[in-house]
């Protein structure tokens, strides 16, 4: 992911900001004993994850899904796949695997949540539901120039969204979070409809670290910079997630991106190790050989 890329990441203050004042209350109000954790990459194709697949791997998704328990499915942003494709993805992956698909760009970037967007939503969901129990939280990513002047579109879209399907939203226009009046209206809307407020951690856009949860789900999109600071940043996230777990968080979805994606599996493995050590999770670690000495 190139979003928020900077030339000199060593100059960035990567310390996570303090929680929003209402986040712990939201966690406590949605607290459950059981913790569900999903960690993965954004893609599974061989070209992006160069060096991850052993020689002779015939099916990349089948292999990937036996190394990680989830995938942030970005391919669905570019077109609406037919239901048969979702059925194939379902059949290739093991029990317990989860897909977190991005809504198609017709909805977010072309129609921009306009009134005539509903047919695309219906078509998309009619296919995506064939992931059945492997369908994780769907996420809506809005364009960076989609600002609060379009708040009425957000309200209409979320109110029409089917409540039985989990939804999360990533806003990139800074005024959604820097204008306190707008932000509070947005947070209330998301809370009322059980929609997760995505946190995006990337070097060049520290303003998107709003640290405001709106339900019992922490949905984090982490963008490394292919730099040694990537690991200390993950350590900082472990500390924060541990505090949220102690407060009662029940779902953590953490997806690792990189400016150069081939190192994403390496960071994901490190993050899983730290989760298991510090949050007492029991996530399986990737177990394979590779010819690339920079990986694993």
Protein backbone atom coordinates (compact mmCIF):
# COMPACT_ATOMS: atom_id res chain seq x y z
CA UNK A 1 0.00 0.00 0.00
CA UNK A 2 1.41 3.37 -1.03
CA UNK A 3 -1.08 5.43 1.00
CA UNK A 4 0.81 7.65 3.46
CA UNK A 5 4.22 6.70 2.11
CA UNK A 6 7.10 8.99 3.11
CA UNK A 7 10.69 9.13 1.90
CA UNK A 8 12.28 9.25 5.36
CA UNK A 9 10.22 7.25 7.88
CA UNK A 10 12.92 7.66 10.51
CA UNK A 11 11.80 11.32 10.88
CA UNK A 12 8.23 10.38 11.84
CA UNK A 13 7.00 10.26 15.43
CA UNK A 14 5.35 6.83 15.39
CA UNK A 15 4.19 6.79 19.00
CA UNK A 16 0.51 5.90 19.13
CA UNK A 17 -1.66 8.71 20.49
CA UNK A 18 -3.70 8.22 23.64
CA UNK A 19 -7.12 6.62 23.34
CA UNK A 20 -10.07 8.83 22.56
CA UNK A 21 -11.81 9.64 25.83
CA UNK A 22 -14.84 7.48 24.93
CA UNK A 23 -13.04 4.41 23.61
CA UNK A 24 -12.73 2.51 26.89
CA UNK A 25 -16.41 3.07 27.65
CA UNK A 26 -17.33 1.66 24.25
CA UNK A 27 -15.15 -1.38 24.86
CA UNK A 28 -16.66 -1.99 28.29
CA UNK A 29 -20.20 -1.62 26.96
CA UNK A 30 -19.49 -4.28 24.32
CA UNK A 31 -17.32 -6.49 26.50
CA UNK A 32 -17.35 -10.27 26.09
CA UNK A 33 -15.27 -13.01 27.67
CA UNK A 34 -14.13 -14.58 24.42
CA UNK A 35 -11.57 -12.91 22.18
CA UNK A 36 -11.53 -13.37 18.40
CA UNK A 37 -8.33 -12.31 16.64
CA UNK A 38 -7.69 -12.14 12.90
CA UNK A 39 -4.26 -11.29 11.51
CA UNK A 40 -3.26 -11.34 7.87
CA UNK A 41 -2.09 -9.57 4.76
CA UNK A 42 -4.03 -7.66 2.14
CA UNK A 43 -3.30 -9.93 -0.83
CA UNK A 44 -2.31 -13.47 -1.60
CA UNK A 45 -0.94 -13.25 -5.12
CA UNK A 46 2.59 -14.44 -5.73
CA UNK A 47 3.84 -11.27 -7.44
CA UNK A 48 3.17 -9.05 -4.42
CA UNK A 49 4.30 -11.60 -1.82
CA UNK A 50 7.48 -12.54 -3.63
CA UNK A 51 9.47 -15.12 -1.69
CA UNK A 52 6.53 -16.16 0.51
CA UNK A 53 5.44 -19.18 -1.53
CA UNK A 54 7.60 -22.29 -1.72
CA UNK A 55 8.57 -23.44 -5.15
CA UNK A 56 5.94 -25.65 -6.67
CA UNK A 57 3.00 -24.00 -4.92
CA UNK A 58 0.06 -24.54 -7.26
CA UNK A 59 -2.69 -22.59 -5.52
CA UNK A 60 -1.69 -19.40 -3.73
CA UNK A 61 -4.91 -18.88 -1.75
CA UNK A 62 -5.00 -22.49 -0.61
CA UNK A 63 -1.44 -22.16 0.67
CA UNK A 64 -1.87 -18.67 2.18
CA UNK A 65 -5.01 -19.71 4.09
CA UNK A 66 -3.05 -22.45 5.83
CA UNK A 67 -0.45 -19.96 7.03
CA UNK A 68 -2.73 -17.15 8.25
CA UNK A 69 -6.29 -17.17 9.57
CA UNK A 70 -7.58 -14.23 7.53
CA UNK A 71 -7.10 -11.95 4.53
CA UNK A 72 -8.04 -8.34 3.92
CA UNK A 73 -9.58 -8.89 0.51
CA UNK A 74 -8.69 -5.86 -1.62
CA UNK A 75 -9.39 -7.55 -4.97
CA UNK A 76 -13.12 -6.94 -4.45
CA UNK A 77 -12.52 -3.18 -4.61
CA UNK A 78 -11.93 -3.28 -8.36
CA UNK A 79 -14.93 -5.27 -9.55
CA UNK A 80 -17.90 -7.25 -8.35
CA UNK A 81 -16.98 -10.91 -8.55
CA UNK A 82 -19.71 -13.45 -9.40
CA UNK A 83 -21.04 -15.68 -6.66
CA UNK A 84 -19.19 -18.68 -8.12
CA UNK A 85 -15.88 -16.98 -7.36
CA UNK A 86 -16.79 -16.47 -3.72
CA UNK A 87 -17.87 -20.12 -3.54
CA UNK A 88 -14.47 -21.19 -4.91
CA UNK A 89 -12.68 -19.03 -2.34
CA UNK A 90 -14.81 -20.60 0.35
CA UNK A 91 -14.05 -24.14 -0.79
CA UNK A 92 -10.27 -23.55 -1.01
CA UNK A 93 -9.87 -22.31 2.55
CA UNK A 94 -9.93 -24.25 5.83
CA UNK A 95 -12.48 -24.08 8.60
CA UNK A 96 -12.10 -20.91 10.67
CA UNK A 97 -10.54 -18.82 7.90
CA UNK A 98 -12.05 -15.35 7.43
CA UNK A 99 -12.26 -12.94 4.49
CA UNK A 100 -12.59 -9.20 5.14
CA UNK A 101 -13.55 -7.87 1.69
CA UNK A 102 -13.43 -4.25 0.62
CA UNK A 103 -16.58 -2.82 -0.98
CA UNK A 104 -16.32 -2.23 -4.70
CA UNK A 105 -15.16 1.20 -5.90
CA UNK A 106 -18.45 1.78 -7.76
CA UNK A 107 -19.99 2.30 -4.33
CA UNK A 108 -17.28 4.34 -2.60
CA UNK A 109 -15.32 6.20 -5.28
CA UNK A 110 -17.50 6.42 -8.38
CA UNK A 111 -21.02 6.76 -6.98
CA UNK A 112 -19.63 8.16 -3.70
CA UNK A 113 -22.57 6.78 -1.67
CA UNK A 114 -25.06 8.66 -3.83
CA UNK A 115 -28.74 7.72 -3.81
CA UNK A 116 -28.39 5.45 -6.84
CA UNK A 117 -25.72 3.28 -5.22
CA UNK A 118 -28.08 0.63 -3.83
CA UNK A 119 -28.10 -1.70 -6.89
CA UNK A 120 -24.32 -2.06 -6.58
CA UNK A 121 -24.63 -2.80 -2.88
CA UNK A 122 -27.26 -5.44 -3.52
CA UNK A 123 -25.26 -7.07 -6.31
CA UNK A 124 -22.07 -7.09 -4.25
CA UNK A 125 -23.69 -8.59 -1.18
CA UNK A 126 -25.60 -11.19 -3.21
CA UNK A 127 -22.22 -12.60 -4.21
CA UNK A 128 -20.24 -12.00 -1.00
CA UNK A 129 -22.71 -13.85 1.23
CA UNK A 130 -21.56 -17.09 -0.42
CA UNK A 131 -18.52 -16.90 1.83
CA UNK A 132 -21.04 -17.90 4.53
CA UNK A 133 -19.44 -18.15 7.98
CA UNK A 134 -16.06 -17.23 6.49
CA UNK A 135 -17.30 -13.72 5.71
CA UNK A 136 -15.71 -11.35 8.19
CA UNK A 137 -16.44 -7.64 8.49
CA UNK A 138 -16.89 -5.94 5.12
CA UNK A 139 -15.15 -2.60 4.92
CA UNK A 140 -16.00 0.59 3.10
CA UNK A 141 -13.03 2.79 2.20
CA UNK A 142 -13.92 6.34 1.18
CA UNK A 143 -11.80 8.53 -1.10
CA UNK A 144 -9.59 11.10 0.58
CA UNK A 145 -11.59 13.96 -0.92
CA UNK A 146 -14.90 12.64 0.45
CA UNK A 147 -15.48 15.07 3.28
CA UNK A 148 -18.12 15.87 5.91
CA UNK A 149 -20.17 17.94 3.46
CA UNK A 150 -21.41 14.52 2.32
CA UNK A 151 -22.45 13.40 5.78
CA UNK A 152 -26.06 12.90 4.69
CA UNK A 153 -24.88 10.25 2.22
CA UNK A 154 -23.07 8.40 4.99
CA UNK A 155 -26.17 8.45 7.18
CA UNK A 156 -28.39 7.14 4.38
CA UNK A 157 -25.91 4.41 3.43
CA UNK A 158 -25.41 3.12 6.97
CA UNK A 159 -29.12 3.23 7.81
CA UNK A 160 -29.87 1.08 4.75
CA UNK A 161 -27.03 -1.38 5.35
CA UNK A 162 -28.38 -4.84 6.34
CA UNK A 163 -27.83 -5.25 10.06
CA UNK A 164 -27.00 -8.96 9.81
CA UNK A 165 -23.81 -8.20 7.83
CA UNK A 166 -20.89 -6.63 9.70
CA UNK A 167 -19.61 -3.32 8.31
CA UNK A 168 -16.59 -1.11 9.01
CA UNK A 169 -15.67 2.25 7.46
CA UNK A 170 -12.37 3.95 6.70
CA UNK A 171 -12.57 7.73 6.25
CA UNK A 172 -9.50 9.49 4.88
CA UNK A 173 -10.54 13.15 4.76
CA UNK A 174 -8.96 14.75 7.81
CA UNK A 175 -12.05 16.81 8.74
CA UNK A 176 -13.96 13.68 9.77
CA UNK A 177 -11.71 13.53 12.83
CA UNK A 178 -10.23 17.02 13.30
CA UNK A 179 -13.60 18.78 13.50
CA UNK A 180 -14.94 17.70 16.89
CA UNK A 181 -18.58 18.44 16.05
CA UNK A 182 -18.45 16.35 12.88
CA UNK A 183 -16.45 13.62 14.60
CA UNK A 184 -18.91 13.25 17.46
CA UNK A 185 -21.84 13.02 15.05
CA UNK A 186 -20.00 10.40 13.06
CA UNK A 187 -19.04 8.35 16.12
CA UNK A 188 -22.64 8.41 17.37
CA UNK A 189 -23.90 7.20 14.00
CA UNK A 190 -21.41 4.33 13.89
CA UNK A 191 -22.12 3.34 17.48
CA UNK A 192 -25.88 3.36 16.98
CA UNK A 193 -25.56 1.00 14.01
CA UNK A 194 -22.75 -1.22 15.34
CA UNK A 195 -20.34 -0.16 12.58
CA UNK A 196 -16.60 -0.37 13.24
CA UNK A 197 -14.51 2.78 12.84
CA UNK A 198 -11.32 1.65 11.07
CA UNK A 199 -7.99 2.88 12.42
CA UNK A 200 -5.32 3.37 9.76
CA UNK A 201 -1.69 3.54 10.87
CA UNK A 202 0.52 4.87 8.08
CA UNK A 203 3.60 7.07 8.19
CA UNK A 204 2.37 10.12 6.32
CA UNK A 205 -1.15 10.35 7.77
CA UNK A 206 -0.88 10.29 11.53
CA UNK A 207 -4.18 12.19 11.73
CA UNK A 208 -6.02 8.94 10.93
CA UNK A 209 -4.94 7.45 14.25
CA UNK A 210 -8.12 8.70 15.89
CA UNK A 211 -8.06 5.81 18.41
CA UNK A 212 -11.83 5.96 18.64
CA UNK A 213 -13.61 2.61 18.65
CA UNK A 214 -17.34 2.55 17.98
CA UNK A 215 -18.17 -1.07 18.86
CA UNK A 216 -16.45 -4.13 20.30
CA UNK A 217 -14.22 -4.50 17.26
CA UNK A 218 -10.75 -3.07 16.75
CA UNK A 219 -10.23 -3.03 12.97
CA UNK A 220 -6.69 -1.83 12.27
CA UNK A 221 -5.03 -1.34 8.88
CA UNK A 222 -1.31 -1.13 9.53
CA UNK A 223 1.02 0.15 6.80
CA UNK A 224 4.70 -0.53 7.33
CA UNK A 225 7.39 1.53 5.65
CA UNK A 226 9.89 -1.27 4.88
CA UNK A 227 11.99 0.19 7.66
CA UNK A 228 13.28 -1.06 11.06
CA UNK A 229 10.68 1.14 12.80
CA UNK A 230 8.00 -1.24 11.49
CA UNK A 231 8.77 -3.61 14.37
CA UNK A 232 8.81 -1.06 17.19
CA UNK A 233 5.51 0.28 15.84
CA UNK A 234 4.03 -3.21 16.08
CA UNK A 235 5.35 -3.49 19.64
CA UNK A 236 3.47 -0.30 20.48
CA UNK A 237 0.29 -1.81 19.04
CA UNK A 238 0.72 -4.90 21.19
CA UNK A 239 0.80 -2.70 24.30
CA UNK A 240 -2.35 -0.88 23.21
CA UNK A 241 -4.25 -4.03 22.26
CA UNK A 242 -3.32 -5.62 25.56
CA UNK A 243 -4.84 -2.66 27.40
CA UNK A 244 -7.98 -2.92 25.27
CA UNK A 245 -8.22 -6.63 25.95
CA UNK A 246 -7.94 -5.99 29.68
CA UNK A 247 -10.84 -3.54 29.27
CA UNK A 248 -12.90 -6.24 27.50
CA UNK A 249 -12.34 -5.91 23.74
CA UNK A 250 -13.73 -9.02 22.06
CA UNK A 251 -12.61 -8.71 18.42
CA UNK A 252 -9.26 -7.68 16.96
CA UNK A 253 -8.77 -7.56 13.20
CA UNK A 254 -5.27 -6.47 12.26
CA UNK A 255 -4.09 -6.39 8.65
CA UNK A 256 -0.52 -5.70 7.66
CA UNK A 257 0.42 -3.77 4.54
CA UNK A 258 3.78 -2.60 3.27
CA UNK A 259 4.91 -0.06 0.70
CA UNK A 260 6.66 -3.09 -0.83
CA UNK A 261 4.26 -5.89 0.07
CA UNK A 262 6.70 -8.81 0.01
CA UNK A 263 7.63 -8.18 3.66
CA UNK A 264 4.02 -8.21 4.87
CA UNK A 265 4.08 -11.93 5.81
CA UNK A 266 7.24 -11.37 7.82
CA UNK A 267 5.69 -8.54 9.83
CA UNK A 268 2.47 -10.50 10.25
CA UNK A 269 4.34 -13.46 11.69
CA UNK A 270 6.20 -11.21 14.13
CA UNK A 271 2.92 -9.62 15.21
CA UNK A 272 1.30 -13.03 15.79
CA UNK A 273 4.25 -14.10 17.93
CA UNK A 274 3.87 -11.00 20.08
CA UNK A 275 0.10 -11.46 20.39
CA UNK A 276 0.55 -15.03 21.56
CA UNK A 277 3.17 -13.94 24.07
CA UNK A 278 1.43 -10.86 25.48
CA UNK A 279 -2.31 -11.50 25.01
CA UNK A 280 -2.21 -15.27 25.55
CA UNK A 281 -3.72 -15.94 22.16
CA UNK A 282 -3.04 -19.23 20.43
CA UNK A 283 -2.79 -18.19 16.81
CA UNK A 284 -0.92 -20.59 14.54
CA UNK A 285 2.39 -19.36 13.18
CA UNK A 286 3.24 -19.68 9.49
CA UNK A 287 5.35 -22.77 8.97
CA UNK A 288 7.12 -23.10 5.66
CA UNK A 289 10.45 -22.79 3.92
CA UNK A 290 11.47 -20.00 1.58
CA UNK A 291 14.38 -19.22 -0.67
CA UNK A 292 14.28 -15.53 0.29
CA UNK A 293 16.59 -14.95 3.29
CA UNK A 294 14.76 -11.72 4.19
CA UNK A 295 11.56 -13.62 4.93
CA UNK A 296 11.01 -15.65 8.10
